[in-house]
Protein backbone atom coordinates (compact mmCIF):
# COMPACT_ATOMS: atom_id res chain seq x y z
CA MET A 1 14.05 -4.14 -2.34
CA THR A 2 16.83 -5.76 -0.34
CA LEU A 3 19.21 -8.37 -1.69
CA GLU A 4 17.45 -10.98 0.41
CA GLY A 5 14.14 -10.02 -1.14
CA ALA A 6 15.70 -10.17 -4.60
CA GLN A 7 16.74 -13.75 -3.98
CA GLN A 8 13.15 -14.61 -3.07
CA ASN A 9 11.96 -12.96 -6.30
CA LEU A 10 14.43 -15.03 -8.28
CA GLU A 11 12.97 -18.23 -6.84
CA VAL A 12 9.50 -17.15 -8.02
CA CYS A 13 10.89 -16.44 -11.50
CA LYS A 14 12.43 -19.90 -11.61
CA LYS A 15 9.12 -21.45 -10.62
CA TYR A 16 7.13 -19.51 -13.25
CA PRO A 17 9.46 -18.89 -16.22
CA SER A 18 8.08 -16.74 -19.07
CA LYS A 19 5.39 -15.49 -16.66
CA CYS A 20 7.36 -13.81 -13.87
CA TYR A 21 10.33 -11.48 -14.28
CA MET A 22 12.27 -9.40 -11.81
CA THR A 23 14.11 -6.15 -11.26
CA LEU A 24 17.20 -5.69 -9.08
CA GLY A 25 18.23 -2.69 -7.03
CA ILE A 26 18.27 -1.22 -3.52
CA HIS A 27 15.05 0.68 -2.76
CA PRO A 28 15.49 4.18 -1.25
CA TYR A 29 13.97 2.92 2.02
CA HIS A 30 17.04 0.67 2.35
CA ALA A 31 19.56 3.19 1.02
CA ALA A 32 21.60 3.07 4.21
CA ASP A 33 22.50 -0.54 3.40
CA ILE A 34 24.91 0.70 0.74
CA SER A 35 26.69 3.26 2.90
CA SER A 36 26.74 1.16 6.08
CA ASP A 37 27.91 -2.10 4.49
CA SER A 38 30.66 -1.88 1.87
CA ASP A 39 29.91 -5.46 0.82
CA THR A 40 26.35 -4.66 -0.28
CA LEU A 41 27.32 -2.86 -3.49
CA GLU A 42 29.72 -5.64 -4.49
CA ARG A 43 27.07 -8.30 -3.85
CA LEU A 44 24.55 -6.28 -5.85
CA THR A 45 26.99 -5.90 -8.74
CA GLN A 46 27.85 -9.60 -8.89
CA PHE A 47 24.21 -10.68 -8.58
CA CYS A 48 23.23 -8.31 -11.39
CA LYS A 49 25.98 -9.56 -13.69
CA SER A 50 25.20 -13.21 -13.01
CA LEU A 51 21.51 -12.74 -13.79
CA SER A 52 22.23 -10.68 -16.91
CA ALA A 53 24.47 -13.46 -18.23
CA GLN A 54 21.62 -15.99 -18.22
CA SER A 55 19.71 -16.67 -21.43
CA PRO A 56 16.88 -15.95 -21.20
CA SER A 57 17.46 -13.73 -18.21
CA PRO A 58 14.76 -13.26 -15.57
CA LEU A 59 16.17 -9.76 -14.97
CA VAL A 60 14.39 -7.15 -17.12
CA ALA A 61 15.15 -3.85 -15.34
CA PHE A 62 17.57 -2.28 -12.87
CA GLY A 63 15.84 -0.95 -9.78
CA GLU A 64 13.78 -0.03 -7.88
CA ILE A 65 16.08 2.88 -7.18
CA GLY A 66 15.45 6.57 -6.61
CA LEU A 67 14.48 9.06 -3.92
CA ASP A 68 11.68 9.21 -1.36
CA TYR A 69 11.62 12.30 0.86
CA PHE A 70 8.19 11.45 2.30
CA TYR A 71 9.60 8.70 4.52
CA LEU A 72 12.88 10.21 5.67
CA ASN A 73 12.58 8.17 8.87
CA LYS A 74 13.49 5.14 6.74
CA ALA A 75 16.59 6.71 5.19
CA ASP A 76 17.87 10.29 5.30
CA LYS A 77 18.53 12.42 2.21
CA GLU A 78 22.28 11.94 2.29
CA SER A 79 21.98 8.15 2.37
CA GLN A 80 19.39 8.18 -0.40
CA THR A 81 21.34 10.43 -2.75
CA HIS A 82 24.51 8.42 -2.20
CA ALA A 83 22.72 5.13 -2.91
CA PHE A 84 20.96 6.59 -5.95
CA VAL A 85 24.10 7.95 -7.60
CA THR A 86 26.10 4.84 -6.78
CA GLN A 87 23.47 2.60 -8.35
CA LEU A 88 23.06 4.83 -11.38
CA GLU A 89 26.77 4.36 -12.02
CA LEU A 90 26.28 0.60 -11.82
CA ALA A 91 23.25 0.84 -14.11
CA THR A 92 25.39 2.35 -16.87
CA THR A 93 27.35 -0.93 -17.03
CA VAL A 94 24.33 -3.14 -17.77
CA SER A 95 22.01 -2.94 -20.76
CA LEU A 96 18.76 -2.62 -18.84
CA PRO A 97 16.01 -0.02 -18.47
CA LEU A 98 15.67 1.60 -15.06
CA PHE A 99 12.84 0.98 -12.61
CA LEU A 100 12.60 4.29 -10.73
CA HIS A 101 10.99 5.73 -7.61
CA VAL A 102 10.50 9.44 -6.93
CA ARG A 103 8.28 10.83 -4.17
CA ASP A 104 8.40 14.42 -2.92
CA ALA A 105 11.91 14.67 -4.39
CA TYR A 106 11.43 15.66 -8.02
CA ALA A 107 14.00 18.46 -8.22
CA ASP A 108 16.80 16.42 -6.63
CA PHE A 109 15.85 13.38 -8.68
CA VAL A 110 16.16 15.31 -11.96
CA SER A 111 19.40 16.98 -10.87
CA LEU A 112 21.03 13.65 -9.96
CA ILE A 113 19.89 11.54 -12.91
CA THR A 114 20.37 14.05 -15.75
CA PRO A 115 24.18 13.68 -16.01
CA PHE A 116 23.75 9.90 -16.42
CA LEU A 117 21.17 10.02 -19.23
CA PRO A 118 23.69 9.88 -22.13
CA ARG A 119 24.87 6.54 -20.71
CA LEU A 120 21.36 5.20 -20.10
CA PRO A 121 19.91 4.85 -23.62
CA LYS A 122 17.13 2.47 -22.55
CA ARG A 123 15.85 5.03 -20.04
CA GLY A 124 13.15 3.22 -18.04
CA ILE A 125 9.99 3.76 -16.05
CA VAL A 126 9.03 5.96 -13.11
CA HIS A 127 6.61 3.71 -11.29
CA SER A 128 3.71 4.37 -8.92
CA PHE A 129 3.77 8.01 -9.97
CA ALA A 130 1.75 10.45 -7.86
CA GLY A 131 3.34 13.76 -8.83
CA THR A 132 2.00 16.72 -10.77
CA ARG A 133 1.21 17.14 -14.45
CA GLU A 134 4.26 19.33 -14.91
CA GLU A 135 6.55 16.81 -13.22
CA MET A 136 5.15 13.98 -15.33
CA LEU A 137 5.70 15.94 -18.54
CA GLY A 138 9.25 16.74 -17.45
CA LEU A 139 9.99 13.03 -16.96
CA VAL A 140 8.39 12.16 -20.30
CA ASP A 141 10.55 14.80 -21.99
CA MET A 142 13.57 13.04 -20.48
CA GLY A 143 12.47 9.82 -22.17
CA PHE A 144 10.84 7.96 -19.30
CA ASP A 145 7.61 6.00 -19.22
CA ILE A 146 5.19 6.67 -16.34
CA SER A 147 3.30 3.94 -14.49
CA VAL A 148 0.13 4.70 -12.53
CA ASN A 149 -2.01 2.94 -9.93
CA GLY A 150 -4.33 3.82 -7.04
CA VAL A 151 -2.02 6.48 -5.58
CA SER A 152 -2.23 8.34 -8.89
CA PHE A 153 -5.98 8.93 -8.46
CA ARG A 154 -6.18 10.55 -5.02
CA SER A 155 -6.60 14.20 -5.95
CA GLU A 156 -7.86 16.34 -8.79
CA GLU A 157 -4.28 17.45 -9.43
CA GLN A 158 -3.21 13.83 -9.88
CA LEU A 159 -6.16 13.06 -12.15
CA GLU A 160 -5.11 16.01 -14.30
CA MET A 161 -1.66 14.41 -14.53
CA VAL A 162 -3.23 11.13 -15.68
CA ARG A 163 -5.37 13.00 -18.22
CA ALA A 164 -2.25 14.56 -19.78
CA LEU A 165 -0.13 11.38 -19.75
CA PRO A 166 0.57 10.33 -23.38
CA LEU A 167 -0.58 6.80 -24.18
CA GLU A 168 2.78 6.06 -25.79
CA ARG A 169 4.43 6.63 -22.38
CA LEU A 170 1.80 4.95 -20.20
CA GLN A 171 2.23 1.78 -18.17
CA LEU A 172 -0.19 0.28 -15.62
CA GLU A 173 0.38 -1.43 -12.27
CA THR A 174 -1.26 -2.14 -8.94
CA ASP A 175 1.89 -2.10 -6.76
CA ALA A 176 0.20 -4.83 -4.72
CA PRO A 177 -0.19 -5.21 -1.81
CA TRP A 178 -0.36 -1.43 -1.37
CA CYS A 179 -1.49 1.59 -3.42
CA GLU A 180 -5.12 0.56 -3.59
CA ILE A 181 -7.66 2.55 -5.59
CA PRO A 182 -9.56 5.15 -3.50
CA SER A 183 -12.95 3.84 -2.44
CA THR A 184 -14.90 6.99 -3.36
CA GLY A 185 -15.01 9.53 -6.16
CA LEU A 186 -14.19 7.21 -9.07
CA GLU A 187 -17.32 5.11 -9.24
CA GLN A 188 -18.38 6.54 -12.60
CA TYR A 189 -15.43 4.84 -14.26
CA LEU A 190 -15.98 1.38 -12.77
CA GLY A 191 -19.52 0.57 -13.90
CA GLU A 192 -18.50 -2.32 -16.17
CA ALA A 193 -15.63 -3.62 -14.05
CA LYS A 194 -15.78 -7.26 -12.99
CA PRO A 195 -16.68 -7.79 -9.31
CA LEU A 196 -13.68 -8.32 -7.10
CA PRO A 197 -13.27 -11.62 -5.22
CA PRO A 198 -14.46 -11.79 -1.62
CA SER A 199 -11.95 -10.79 1.05
CA ARG A 200 -10.95 -12.14 4.46
CA ARG A 201 -9.07 -10.73 7.41
CA HIS A 202 -5.29 -11.03 7.57
CA GLY A 203 -4.39 -14.44 8.95
CA LYS A 204 -7.50 -16.05 7.47
CA PHE A 205 -6.14 -16.37 3.93
CA VAL A 206 -8.05 -18.51 1.44
CA LYS A 207 -6.66 -19.12 -2.04
CA GLY A 208 -8.60 -17.13 -4.63
CA GLU A 209 -9.80 -14.50 -2.15
CA MET A 210 -8.41 -11.10 -1.23
CA VAL A 211 -6.98 -9.95 2.10
CA LYS A 212 -8.85 -7.08 3.74
CA GLY A 213 -6.89 -3.84 3.70
CA ARG A 214 -4.54 -5.09 0.98
CA ASN A 215 -4.41 -4.31 -2.71
CA GLU A 216 -4.25 -7.24 -5.13
CA SER A 217 -3.09 -7.69 -8.72
CA CYS A 218 -6.67 -8.50 -9.78
CA THR A 219 -7.48 -4.78 -9.49
CA MET A 220 -5.43 -4.06 -12.63
CA GLU A 221 -8.59 -3.92 -14.74
CA ARG A 222 -9.91 -1.15 -12.52
CA VAL A 223 -6.70 0.87 -12.89
CA ALA A 224 -7.09 0.65 -16.67
CA ARG A 225 -10.77 1.65 -16.54
CA ILE A 226 -10.07 4.71 -14.40
CA VAL A 227 -7.27 5.84 -16.72
CA ALA A 228 -9.58 5.35 -19.71
CA GLY A 229 -12.42 7.25 -18.06
CA VAL A 230 -10.23 10.15 -16.99
CA LYS A 231 -8.66 10.41 -20.44
CA GLY A 232 -11.96 9.88 -22.28
CA VAL A 233 -10.69 7.00 -24.44
CA PRO A 234 -11.78 3.34 -24.74
CA VAL A 235 -10.39 1.04 -22.08
CA GLU A 236 -9.15 -1.24 -24.88
CA ALA A 237 -6.91 1.57 -26.13
CA VAL A 238 -5.43 2.04 -22.66
CA ALA A 239 -4.85 -1.69 -22.13
CA GLN A 240 -3.29 -2.20 -25.56
CA ALA A 241 -0.99 0.82 -25.23
CA ALA A 242 0.17 -0.09 -21.73
CA TRP A 243 0.81 -3.71 -22.70
CA ALA A 244 2.76 -2.75 -25.82
CA ASN A 245 4.85 -0.24 -23.84
CA SER A 246 5.68 -2.82 -21.17
CA VAL A 247 6.60 -5.50 -23.71
CA ARG A 248 8.79 -3.02 -25.57
CA MET A 249 10.59 -1.66 -22.53
CA PHE A 250 11.25 -4.94 -20.74
CA GLY A 251 12.02 -6.99 -23.84
CA LEU A 252 9.32 -9.53 -23.04
CA GLU A 253 8.96 -10.56 -26.68
CA GLU A 254 12.61 -11.65 -26.58
CA ASN A 255 12.01 -13.86 -23.54
CA ALA A 256 8.78 -15.41 -24.77
CA PRO A 257 8.96 -19.20 -25.32
């Protein structure tokens, strides 16, 4: 995210306390903000410290930070690695789990984050994961949770990754408004899923309905059902494990009213 976007997220958290929480960090797409504006890191640091000092704090993780080599037109490798390392150093000063992004950059990601692990005891989550089984297991061995959504179901290789993902390291998401579930090839897992709301074209929004071409948070049930079907376990087991892992990692039981 950007710092401006983080401020918008904070306003939502204030409006819906105990329901909405936030993370804070500069997304790899905006990595150049840190190298091009020396004030950005200082603003990020002060914002993070001010939120962490609140009780209860709406801030439950540091991120989204990481590397994305798929969209190098948004930020080059040098800018991304500089922003990642700089923010990892900041992350070691706050007692928060990390919210991480890695796409087509696994080797560099592991190389850069490994030296920081002794100072990051809460580890964190690699979200929207679409890598291989071997990469997932490597991240799990490092102590990270893995979160999956529609982009995790787009190939047989990715489904094999989901099949091997331990329930004790699983979290679920939709990453709305993107990362929708593929429209074909997964129907066998969705037989008992609730029908989705009707949808309208962008610009014709109606409360309670979806926007065509966008993913929505209401598809979370379908993410859980696909994971359960691929792994061959009850959907209740997937939902309970993912919820418990999220509550544990983000300290939600501490913030509950």
